[in-house]
N, C-alpha and C. Protein backbone atom coordinates (compact mmCIF):
# COMPACT_ATOMS: atom_id res chain seq x y z
N MET A 1 11.75 -11.79 -0.49
CA MET A 1 12.37 -11.27 -1.71
C MET A 1 11.32 -10.79 -2.70
N ILE A 2 10.14 -11.43 -2.71
CA ILE A 2 9.08 -11.02 -3.63
C ILE A 2 8.71 -9.57 -3.39
N ALA A 3 8.58 -9.17 -2.11
CA ALA A 3 8.25 -7.79 -1.80
C ALA A 3 9.34 -6.85 -2.29
N GLY A 4 10.60 -7.25 -2.16
CA GLY A 4 11.71 -6.43 -2.65
C GLY A 4 11.68 -6.27 -4.15
N ILE A 5 11.35 -7.35 -4.84
CA ILE A 5 11.23 -7.27 -6.30
C ILE A 5 10.07 -6.36 -6.67
N ALA A 6 8.96 -6.46 -5.93
CA ALA A 6 7.81 -5.59 -6.19
C ALA A 6 8.18 -4.13 -6.02
N VAL A 7 8.94 -3.82 -4.96
CA VAL A 7 9.38 -2.44 -4.75
C VAL A 7 10.30 -2.00 -5.89
N ALA A 8 11.20 -2.88 -6.31
CA ALA A 8 12.13 -2.53 -7.39
C ALA A 8 11.39 -2.25 -8.69
N VAL A 9 10.44 -3.11 -9.04
CA VAL A 9 9.68 -2.89 -10.27
C VAL A 9 8.85 -1.62 -10.15
N LYS A 10 8.22 -1.39 -8.99
CA LYS A 10 7.41 -0.19 -8.77
C LYS A 10 8.27 1.06 -8.80
N THR A 11 9.51 0.97 -8.32
CA THR A 11 10.41 2.11 -8.29
C THR A 11 10.69 2.61 -9.70
N LEU A 12 10.73 1.73 -10.66
CA LEU A 12 10.99 2.13 -12.04
C LEU A 12 9.84 2.94 -12.63
N LYS A 13 8.62 2.63 -12.26
CA LYS A 13 7.44 3.19 -12.90
C LYS A 13 7.34 4.72 -12.80
N PRO A 14 7.57 5.34 -11.62
CA PRO A 14 7.38 6.79 -11.53
C PRO A 14 8.45 7.62 -12.25
N GLN A 15 9.56 7.01 -12.64
CA GLN A 15 10.63 7.78 -13.26
C GLN A 15 10.22 8.24 -14.65
N VAL A 16 10.26 9.54 -14.87
CA VAL A 16 9.88 10.10 -16.16
C VAL A 16 10.88 9.73 -17.24
N ASN A 17 12.16 9.70 -16.89
CA ASN A 17 13.19 9.45 -17.89
C ASN A 17 13.46 7.96 -18.14
N ILE A 18 12.77 7.09 -17.44
CA ILE A 18 12.92 5.66 -17.67
C ILE A 18 11.56 5.09 -18.03
N ILE A 19 11.49 4.53 -19.20
CA ILE A 19 10.27 3.84 -19.59
C ILE A 19 10.65 2.37 -19.70
N ALA A 20 10.22 1.59 -18.73
CA ALA A 20 10.65 0.19 -18.70
C ALA A 20 9.55 -0.70 -18.16
N VAL A 21 9.47 -1.85 -18.73
CA VAL A 21 8.65 -2.92 -18.18
C VAL A 21 9.63 -4.05 -17.92
N VAL A 22 9.76 -4.41 -16.67
CA VAL A 22 10.75 -5.40 -16.29
C VAL A 22 10.06 -6.50 -15.50
N GLU A 23 10.29 -7.75 -15.90
CA GLU A 23 9.73 -8.85 -15.13
C GLU A 23 10.54 -9.03 -13.85
N GLY A 24 9.98 -9.77 -12.90
CA GLY A 24 10.60 -9.94 -11.59
C GLY A 24 12.05 -10.37 -11.63
N GLY A 25 12.37 -11.37 -12.45
CA GLY A 25 13.74 -11.86 -12.54
C GLY A 25 14.70 -10.80 -13.04
N GLY A 26 14.22 -9.89 -13.88
CA GLY A 26 15.06 -8.83 -14.41
C GLY A 26 15.29 -7.70 -13.44
N ALA A 27 14.52 -7.66 -12.34
CA ALA A 27 14.66 -6.59 -11.36
C ALA A 27 15.33 -7.06 -10.07
N VAL A 28 15.81 -8.30 -10.03
CA VAL A 28 16.41 -8.85 -8.81
C VAL A 28 17.61 -8.03 -8.36
N GLY A 29 18.47 -7.61 -9.29
CA GLY A 29 19.64 -6.80 -8.92
C GLY A 29 19.24 -5.49 -8.26
N LEU A 30 18.26 -4.82 -8.85
CA LEU A 30 17.78 -3.57 -8.27
C LEU A 30 17.13 -3.82 -6.92
N ALA A 31 16.40 -4.92 -6.79
CA ALA A 31 15.77 -5.27 -5.51
C ALA A 31 16.83 -5.47 -4.43
N ALA A 32 17.93 -6.12 -4.76
CA ALA A 32 19.01 -6.35 -3.79
C ALA A 32 19.62 -5.02 -3.36
N LEU A 33 19.79 -4.09 -4.31
CA LEU A 33 20.35 -2.78 -3.97
C LEU A 33 19.40 -1.99 -3.08
N ILE A 34 18.11 -1.97 -3.42
CA ILE A 34 17.13 -1.21 -2.65
C ILE A 34 16.98 -1.77 -1.24
N SER A 35 17.03 -3.08 -1.10
CA SER A 35 16.79 -3.71 0.21
C SER A 35 17.94 -3.51 1.19
N GLY A 36 19.09 -3.03 0.71
CA GLY A 36 20.23 -2.81 1.58
C GLY A 36 21.00 -4.07 1.90
N LYS A 37 20.80 -5.12 1.13
CA LYS A 37 21.49 -6.39 1.38
C LYS A 37 22.92 -6.40 0.84
N LEU A 38 23.33 -5.31 0.22
CA LEU A 38 24.69 -5.21 -0.30
C LEU A 38 25.37 -3.96 0.28
N PRO A 39 25.64 -3.95 1.60
CA PRO A 39 26.19 -2.75 2.22
C PRO A 39 27.55 -2.35 1.65
N GLU A 40 28.27 -3.31 1.09
CA GLU A 40 29.59 -3.00 0.52
C GLU A 40 29.49 -2.08 -0.70
N LEU A 41 28.29 -1.95 -1.27
CA LEU A 41 28.10 -1.08 -2.43
C LEU A 41 27.54 0.29 -2.07
N GLN A 42 27.22 0.50 -0.80
CA GLN A 42 26.64 1.76 -0.36
C GLN A 42 27.60 2.92 -0.63
N GLY A 43 27.07 3.96 -1.25
CA GLY A 43 27.85 5.14 -1.57
C GLY A 43 28.65 5.04 -2.85
N LYS A 44 28.60 3.90 -3.50
CA LYS A 44 29.33 3.70 -4.75
C LYS A 44 28.38 3.82 -5.93
N LYS A 45 28.96 4.13 -7.08
CA LYS A 45 28.17 4.14 -8.31
C LYS A 45 28.03 2.71 -8.79
N VAL A 46 26.79 2.29 -8.99
CA VAL A 46 26.52 0.90 -9.35
C VAL A 46 25.60 0.87 -10.56
N VAL A 47 25.87 -0.05 -11.46
CA VAL A 47 25.00 -0.27 -12.61
C VAL A 47 24.29 -1.60 -12.39
N SER A 48 22.99 -1.57 -12.52
CA SER A 48 22.20 -2.80 -12.41
C SER A 48 21.45 -2.98 -13.72
N LEU A 49 21.72 -4.07 -14.40
CA LEU A 49 21.04 -4.33 -15.67
C LEU A 49 19.62 -4.77 -15.40
N LEU A 50 18.70 -4.15 -16.12
CA LEU A 50 17.29 -4.50 -16.01
C LEU A 50 16.93 -5.24 -17.28
N THR A 51 16.51 -6.48 -17.12
CA THR A 51 16.25 -7.31 -18.29
C THR A 51 14.86 -7.91 -18.22
N GLY A 52 14.42 -8.41 -19.35
CA GLY A 52 13.18 -9.16 -19.40
C GLY A 52 11.94 -8.31 -19.45
N GLY A 53 11.58 -7.87 -20.62
CA GLY A 53 10.35 -7.10 -20.79
C GLY A 53 9.16 -8.00 -21.07
N ASN A 54 9.35 -9.28 -20.88
CA ASN A 54 8.31 -10.26 -21.18
C ASN A 54 7.43 -10.48 -19.95
N ILE A 55 6.68 -9.45 -19.57
CA ILE A 55 5.82 -9.55 -18.39
C ILE A 55 4.38 -9.33 -18.80
N ASP A 56 3.52 -10.16 -18.29
CA ASP A 56 2.10 -10.06 -18.54
C ASP A 56 1.57 -8.78 -17.88
N THR A 57 0.69 -8.05 -18.55
CA THR A 57 0.20 -6.79 -17.99
C THR A 57 -0.57 -7.00 -16.69
N THR A 58 -1.24 -8.12 -16.55
CA THR A 58 -1.93 -8.40 -15.29
C THR A 58 -0.92 -8.59 -14.16
N VAL A 59 0.15 -9.32 -14.45
CA VAL A 59 1.21 -9.53 -13.46
C VAL A 59 1.88 -8.20 -13.13
N LEU A 60 2.10 -7.36 -14.14
CA LEU A 60 2.70 -6.04 -13.91
C LEU A 60 1.82 -5.23 -12.97
N GLY A 61 0.51 -5.22 -13.22
CA GLY A 61 -0.41 -4.48 -12.35
C GLY A 61 -0.38 -4.98 -10.92
N ARG A 62 -0.39 -6.29 -10.76
CA ARG A 62 -0.33 -6.87 -9.41
C ARG A 62 0.99 -6.53 -8.72
N THR A 63 2.08 -6.57 -9.48
CA THR A 63 3.40 -6.27 -8.92
C THR A 63 3.48 -4.82 -8.48
N ILE A 64 2.97 -3.92 -9.31
CA ILE A 64 2.97 -2.50 -8.93
C ILE A 64 2.11 -2.29 -7.69
N GLU A 65 0.94 -2.93 -7.66
CA GLU A 65 0.06 -2.81 -6.50
C GLU A 65 0.73 -3.33 -5.23
N ARG A 66 1.42 -4.45 -5.34
CA ARG A 66 2.13 -5.01 -4.18
C ARG A 66 3.26 -4.08 -3.75
N GLY A 67 3.95 -3.48 -4.72
CA GLY A 67 5.00 -2.52 -4.40
C GLY A 67 4.44 -1.30 -3.69
N LEU A 68 3.27 -0.82 -4.13
CA LEU A 68 2.62 0.30 -3.45
C LEU A 68 2.28 -0.06 -2.01
N ALA A 69 1.82 -1.29 -1.79
CA ALA A 69 1.49 -1.73 -0.44
C ALA A 69 2.73 -1.80 0.44
N VAL A 70 3.82 -2.33 -0.09
CA VAL A 70 5.07 -2.41 0.67
C VAL A 70 5.57 -1.01 1.01
N ASP A 71 5.33 -0.07 0.12
CA ASP A 71 5.77 1.31 0.29
C ASP A 71 4.78 2.13 1.13
N SER A 72 3.77 1.49 1.70
CA SER A 72 2.71 2.14 2.49
C SER A 72 1.94 3.18 1.68
N ARG A 73 1.87 2.97 0.40
CA ARG A 73 1.07 3.87 -0.43
C ARG A 73 -0.27 3.25 -0.78
N LEU A 74 -0.46 2.01 -0.37
CA LEU A 74 -1.74 1.32 -0.51
C LEU A 74 -1.98 0.60 0.81
N ILE A 75 -3.08 0.95 1.48
CA ILE A 75 -3.36 0.38 2.80
C ILE A 75 -4.76 -0.22 2.84
N ARG A 76 -4.95 -1.08 3.82
CA ARG A 76 -6.28 -1.66 4.04
C ARG A 76 -6.68 -1.30 5.46
N LEU A 77 -7.88 -0.76 5.61
CA LEU A 77 -8.34 -0.41 6.94
C LEU A 77 -9.78 -0.86 7.13
N GLU A 78 -10.15 -1.05 8.40
CA GLU A 78 -11.52 -1.41 8.77
C GLU A 78 -11.97 -0.44 9.85
N VAL A 79 -13.18 0.07 9.68
CA VAL A 79 -13.74 1.02 10.64
C VAL A 79 -15.19 0.64 10.88
N VAL A 80 -15.60 0.62 12.15
CA VAL A 80 -17.00 0.40 12.47
C VAL A 80 -17.66 1.76 12.58
N VAL A 81 -18.68 1.97 11.76
CA VAL A 81 -19.38 3.25 11.73
C VAL A 81 -20.86 3.02 12.03
N SER A 82 -21.55 4.10 12.28
CA SER A 82 -22.98 4.05 12.52
C SER A 82 -23.69 3.62 11.24
N ASP A 83 -24.62 2.67 11.38
CA ASP A 83 -25.38 2.18 10.22
C ASP A 83 -26.65 3.00 10.06
N ARG A 84 -26.46 4.24 9.79
CA ARG A 84 -27.57 5.17 9.53
C ARG A 84 -27.29 5.84 8.21
N PRO A 85 -28.29 6.44 7.60
CA PRO A 85 -28.03 7.12 6.32
C PRO A 85 -26.91 8.15 6.48
N GLY A 86 -25.91 8.04 5.64
CA GLY A 86 -24.79 8.97 5.65
C GLY A 86 -23.59 8.51 6.46
N GLY A 87 -23.71 7.41 7.21
CA GLY A 87 -22.59 6.94 8.04
C GLY A 87 -21.37 6.55 7.22
N ILE A 88 -21.58 5.78 6.17
CA ILE A 88 -20.47 5.37 5.30
C ILE A 88 -19.97 6.56 4.49
N ALA A 89 -20.89 7.41 4.04
CA ALA A 89 -20.51 8.60 3.28
C ALA A 89 -19.64 9.53 4.12
N GLU A 90 -19.96 9.64 5.40
CA GLU A 90 -19.17 10.48 6.30
C GLU A 90 -17.73 9.96 6.42
N LEU A 91 -17.60 8.63 6.53
CA LEU A 91 -16.27 8.02 6.58
C LEU A 91 -15.50 8.31 5.29
N ALA A 92 -16.15 8.11 4.16
CA ALA A 92 -15.51 8.36 2.86
C ALA A 92 -15.08 9.81 2.73
N THR A 93 -15.91 10.73 3.19
CA THR A 93 -15.58 12.16 3.13
C THR A 93 -14.37 12.47 4.01
N ARG A 94 -14.32 11.90 5.19
CA ARG A 94 -13.18 12.14 6.09
C ARG A 94 -11.88 11.61 5.48
N ILE A 95 -11.95 10.44 4.87
CA ILE A 95 -10.77 9.87 4.22
C ILE A 95 -10.33 10.77 3.07
N ALA A 96 -11.29 11.25 2.28
CA ALA A 96 -10.98 12.14 1.15
C ALA A 96 -10.38 13.45 1.62
N HIS A 97 -10.91 14.02 2.70
CA HIS A 97 -10.38 15.28 3.22
C HIS A 97 -8.94 15.15 3.71
N MET A 98 -8.55 13.93 4.05
CA MET A 98 -7.16 13.69 4.46
C MET A 98 -6.24 13.51 3.25
N GLY A 99 -6.83 13.51 2.05
CA GLY A 99 -6.02 13.39 0.84
C GLY A 99 -5.77 11.97 0.39
N ALA A 100 -6.45 11.01 0.99
CA ALA A 100 -6.32 9.61 0.57
C ALA A 100 -7.41 9.30 -0.45
N SER A 101 -7.12 8.38 -1.33
CA SER A 101 -8.05 8.01 -2.39
C SER A 101 -8.55 6.59 -2.15
N ILE A 102 -9.86 6.44 -2.05
CA ILE A 102 -10.45 5.11 -1.83
C ILE A 102 -10.42 4.34 -3.14
N LYS A 103 -9.78 3.18 -3.11
CA LYS A 103 -9.68 2.31 -4.29
C LYS A 103 -10.72 1.21 -4.26
N ASP A 104 -11.11 0.77 -3.06
CA ASP A 104 -12.11 -0.28 -2.92
C ASP A 104 -12.79 -0.10 -1.57
N ILE A 105 -14.08 -0.40 -1.52
CA ILE A 105 -14.83 -0.27 -0.26
C ILE A 105 -15.87 -1.37 -0.20
N PHE A 106 -16.02 -1.94 0.99
CA PHE A 106 -16.95 -3.04 1.20
C PHE A 106 -17.49 -2.91 2.62
N HIS A 107 -18.74 -3.20 2.80
CA HIS A 107 -19.29 -3.15 4.15
C HIS A 107 -20.01 -4.45 4.48
N GLU A 108 -20.00 -4.79 5.79
CA GLU A 108 -20.68 -6.00 6.23
C GLU A 108 -21.42 -5.74 7.53
N ARG A 109 -22.61 -6.26 7.58
CA ARG A 109 -23.45 -6.08 8.77
C ARG A 109 -23.61 -7.39 9.55
N ALA A 110 -23.72 -8.51 8.85
CA ALA A 110 -24.06 -9.78 9.48
C ALA A 110 -22.98 -10.32 10.41
N TRP A 111 -21.72 -10.06 10.12
CA TRP A 111 -20.63 -10.66 10.88
C TRP A 111 -19.98 -9.69 11.85
N ILE A 112 -20.70 -8.71 12.26
CA ILE A 112 -20.16 -7.72 13.20
C ILE A 112 -20.69 -8.05 14.60
N SER A 113 -19.84 -7.97 15.59
CA SER A 113 -20.23 -8.38 16.95
C SER A 113 -20.71 -7.21 17.81
N THR A 114 -20.74 -6.01 17.26
CA THR A 114 -21.25 -4.87 18.03
C THR A 114 -22.76 -4.79 17.84
N ASP A 115 -23.34 -3.68 18.20
CA ASP A 115 -24.79 -3.54 18.12
C ASP A 115 -25.30 -3.59 16.68
N VAL A 116 -26.60 -3.76 16.54
CA VAL A 116 -27.20 -3.88 15.20
C VAL A 116 -27.29 -2.54 14.48
N PHE A 117 -26.88 -1.48 15.12
CA PHE A 117 -26.92 -0.16 14.50
C PHE A 117 -25.55 0.27 13.98
N SER A 118 -24.66 -0.71 13.81
CA SER A 118 -23.31 -0.43 13.31
C SER A 118 -23.01 -1.28 12.10
N VAL A 119 -22.05 -0.83 11.31
CA VAL A 119 -21.61 -1.57 10.13
C VAL A 119 -20.08 -1.49 10.06
N ARG A 120 -19.45 -2.61 9.72
CA ARG A 120 -17.99 -2.63 9.56
C ARG A 120 -17.69 -2.30 8.10
N VAL A 121 -16.90 -1.27 7.89
CA VAL A 121 -16.53 -0.83 6.54
C VAL A 121 -15.06 -1.17 6.31
N LYS A 122 -14.80 -1.90 5.24
CA LYS A 122 -13.44 -2.27 4.86
C LYS A 122 -13.05 -1.42 3.66
N VAL A 123 -11.92 -0.76 3.76
CA VAL A 123 -11.49 0.19 2.74
C VAL A 123 -10.06 -0.13 2.32
N VAL A 124 -9.81 -0.08 1.02
CA VAL A 124 -8.45 -0.07 0.49
C VAL A 124 -8.24 1.34 -0.03
N ALA A 125 -7.22 2.01 0.47
CA ALA A 125 -6.99 3.41 0.10
C ALA A 125 -5.55 3.63 -0.33
N GLU A 126 -5.39 4.57 -1.25
CA GLU A 126 -4.06 4.96 -1.70
C GLU A 126 -3.63 6.20 -0.92
N THR A 127 -2.41 6.16 -0.39
CA THR A 127 -1.88 7.26 0.40
C THR A 127 -0.56 7.74 -0.19
N ARG A 128 -0.02 8.82 0.38
CA ARG A 128 1.24 9.37 -0.14
C ARG A 128 2.46 8.62 0.36
N ASP A 129 2.47 8.32 1.67
CA ASP A 129 3.63 7.70 2.30
C ASP A 129 3.25 7.26 3.71
N ARG A 130 4.24 6.79 4.46
CA ARG A 130 3.98 6.30 5.82
C ARG A 130 3.49 7.39 6.75
N GLU A 131 4.04 8.59 6.61
CA GLU A 131 3.59 9.71 7.44
C GLU A 131 2.12 10.00 7.19
N HIS A 132 1.71 9.95 5.93
CA HIS A 132 0.32 10.18 5.58
C HIS A 132 -0.57 9.11 6.21
N VAL A 133 -0.11 7.86 6.21
CA VAL A 133 -0.86 6.76 6.83
C VAL A 133 -1.04 7.04 8.33
N ALA A 134 0.03 7.48 8.99
CA ALA A 134 -0.04 7.78 10.43
C ALA A 134 -1.04 8.90 10.70
N GLU A 135 -1.04 9.94 9.86
CA GLU A 135 -1.99 11.04 10.02
C GLU A 135 -3.42 10.56 9.82
N LEU A 136 -3.62 9.74 8.81
CA LEU A 136 -4.95 9.19 8.53
C LEU A 136 -5.42 8.33 9.70
N GLU A 137 -4.55 7.47 10.21
CA GLU A 137 -4.92 6.61 11.34
C GLU A 137 -5.25 7.44 12.57
N GLU A 138 -4.47 8.48 12.84
CA GLU A 138 -4.73 9.34 13.99
C GLU A 138 -6.10 10.00 13.88
N MET A 139 -6.43 10.51 12.70
CA MET A 139 -7.74 11.13 12.50
C MET A 139 -8.86 10.13 12.70
N LEU A 140 -8.73 8.94 12.12
CA LEU A 140 -9.79 7.93 12.23
C LEU A 140 -9.98 7.50 13.68
N ARG A 141 -8.89 7.32 14.42
CA ARG A 141 -9.00 6.90 15.82
C ARG A 141 -9.62 8.00 16.69
N SER A 142 -9.47 9.26 16.28
CA SER A 142 -10.08 10.35 17.04
C SER A 142 -11.59 10.44 16.78
N LYS A 143 -12.05 9.88 15.67
CA LYS A 143 -13.47 9.99 15.30
C LYS A 143 -14.26 8.70 15.53
N TYR A 144 -13.58 7.55 15.53
CA TYR A 144 -14.26 6.26 15.62
C TYR A 144 -13.63 5.40 16.72
N ASP A 145 -14.46 4.59 17.37
CA ASP A 145 -13.99 3.74 18.46
C ASP A 145 -13.28 2.49 17.97
N ASP A 146 -13.71 1.95 16.85
CA ASP A 146 -13.18 0.67 16.36
C ASP A 146 -12.51 0.87 15.01
N VAL A 147 -11.19 0.99 15.01
CA VAL A 147 -10.41 1.22 13.79
C VAL A 147 -9.30 0.18 13.73
N GLY A 148 -9.18 -0.47 12.59
CA GLY A 148 -8.10 -1.41 12.37
C GLY A 148 -7.37 -1.05 11.10
N LEU A 149 -6.06 -1.02 11.15
CA LEU A 149 -5.27 -0.66 9.98
C LEU A 149 -4.30 -1.78 9.68
N ASN A 150 -4.32 -2.26 8.46
CA ASN A 150 -3.40 -3.31 8.03
C ASN A 150 -2.65 -2.84 6.81
N SER A 151 -1.36 -2.93 6.88
CA SER A 151 -0.54 -2.68 5.70
C SER A 151 0.41 -3.86 5.56
N VAL A 152 1.02 -3.98 4.44
CA VAL A 152 1.99 -5.06 4.24
C VAL A 152 3.08 -4.98 5.29
N LEU A 153 3.48 -3.78 5.65
CA LEU A 153 4.55 -3.62 6.63
C LEU A 153 4.16 -4.16 7.99
N THR A 154 2.93 -3.90 8.43
CA THR A 154 2.53 -4.40 9.73
C THR A 154 2.30 -5.90 9.69
N LEU A 155 1.85 -6.41 8.56
CA LEU A 155 1.58 -7.84 8.46
C LEU A 155 2.85 -8.67 8.31
N LEU A 156 3.80 -8.19 7.55
CA LEU A 156 4.99 -8.98 7.25
C LEU A 156 6.26 -8.46 7.91
N SER A 157 6.18 -7.29 8.53
CA SER A 157 7.35 -6.67 9.16
C SER A 157 8.52 -6.61 8.20
N ILE A 158 8.30 -6.01 7.05
CA ILE A 158 9.37 -5.91 6.06
C ILE A 158 9.78 -4.46 5.85
N SER A 159 9.89 -3.71 6.96
CA SER A 159 10.26 -2.31 6.87
C SER A 159 11.69 -2.13 6.37
N LYS A 160 12.45 -3.20 6.23
CA LYS A 160 13.84 -3.11 5.77
C LYS A 160 13.94 -2.62 4.34
N TYR A 161 12.82 -2.54 3.62
CA TYR A 161 12.87 -2.10 2.24
C TYR A 161 12.93 -0.59 2.12
N HIS A 162 12.96 0.11 3.23
CA HIS A 162 13.15 1.57 3.21
C HIS A 162 13.91 2.02 4.40
């Protein structure tokens, strides 16, 4: 249910005509509608009251971020690249050319089980949607041997939110 509430709160944010800050409890009704748990209301006009503007900005940021992850607009990936000058930059350039935005990047050399000339790069990237994620993954797998992609959907199997 937390992921559903995160999607509901995040859904409010992009709307130009709605300016709202809603805490989790105030978005439960919208979360239930979005998740499809009320099939008897499908196709009907429904009003869902959004209440509780008493949300901490840090919590709001985390909730929006979690909603983006559930919506496949924020992903985490790991790629093993060559540990030579420009190896990580090349990966970043390829991700950028696909239209994804790198939000966080970290690399590790000591805990990698491949050769000493490789580095594991962990990236958190913002994408447009699930199709964009699939395109990005396809490109990365065509260029690199070791690619791992983790999203909230693959980890929790909560695709029912869309």
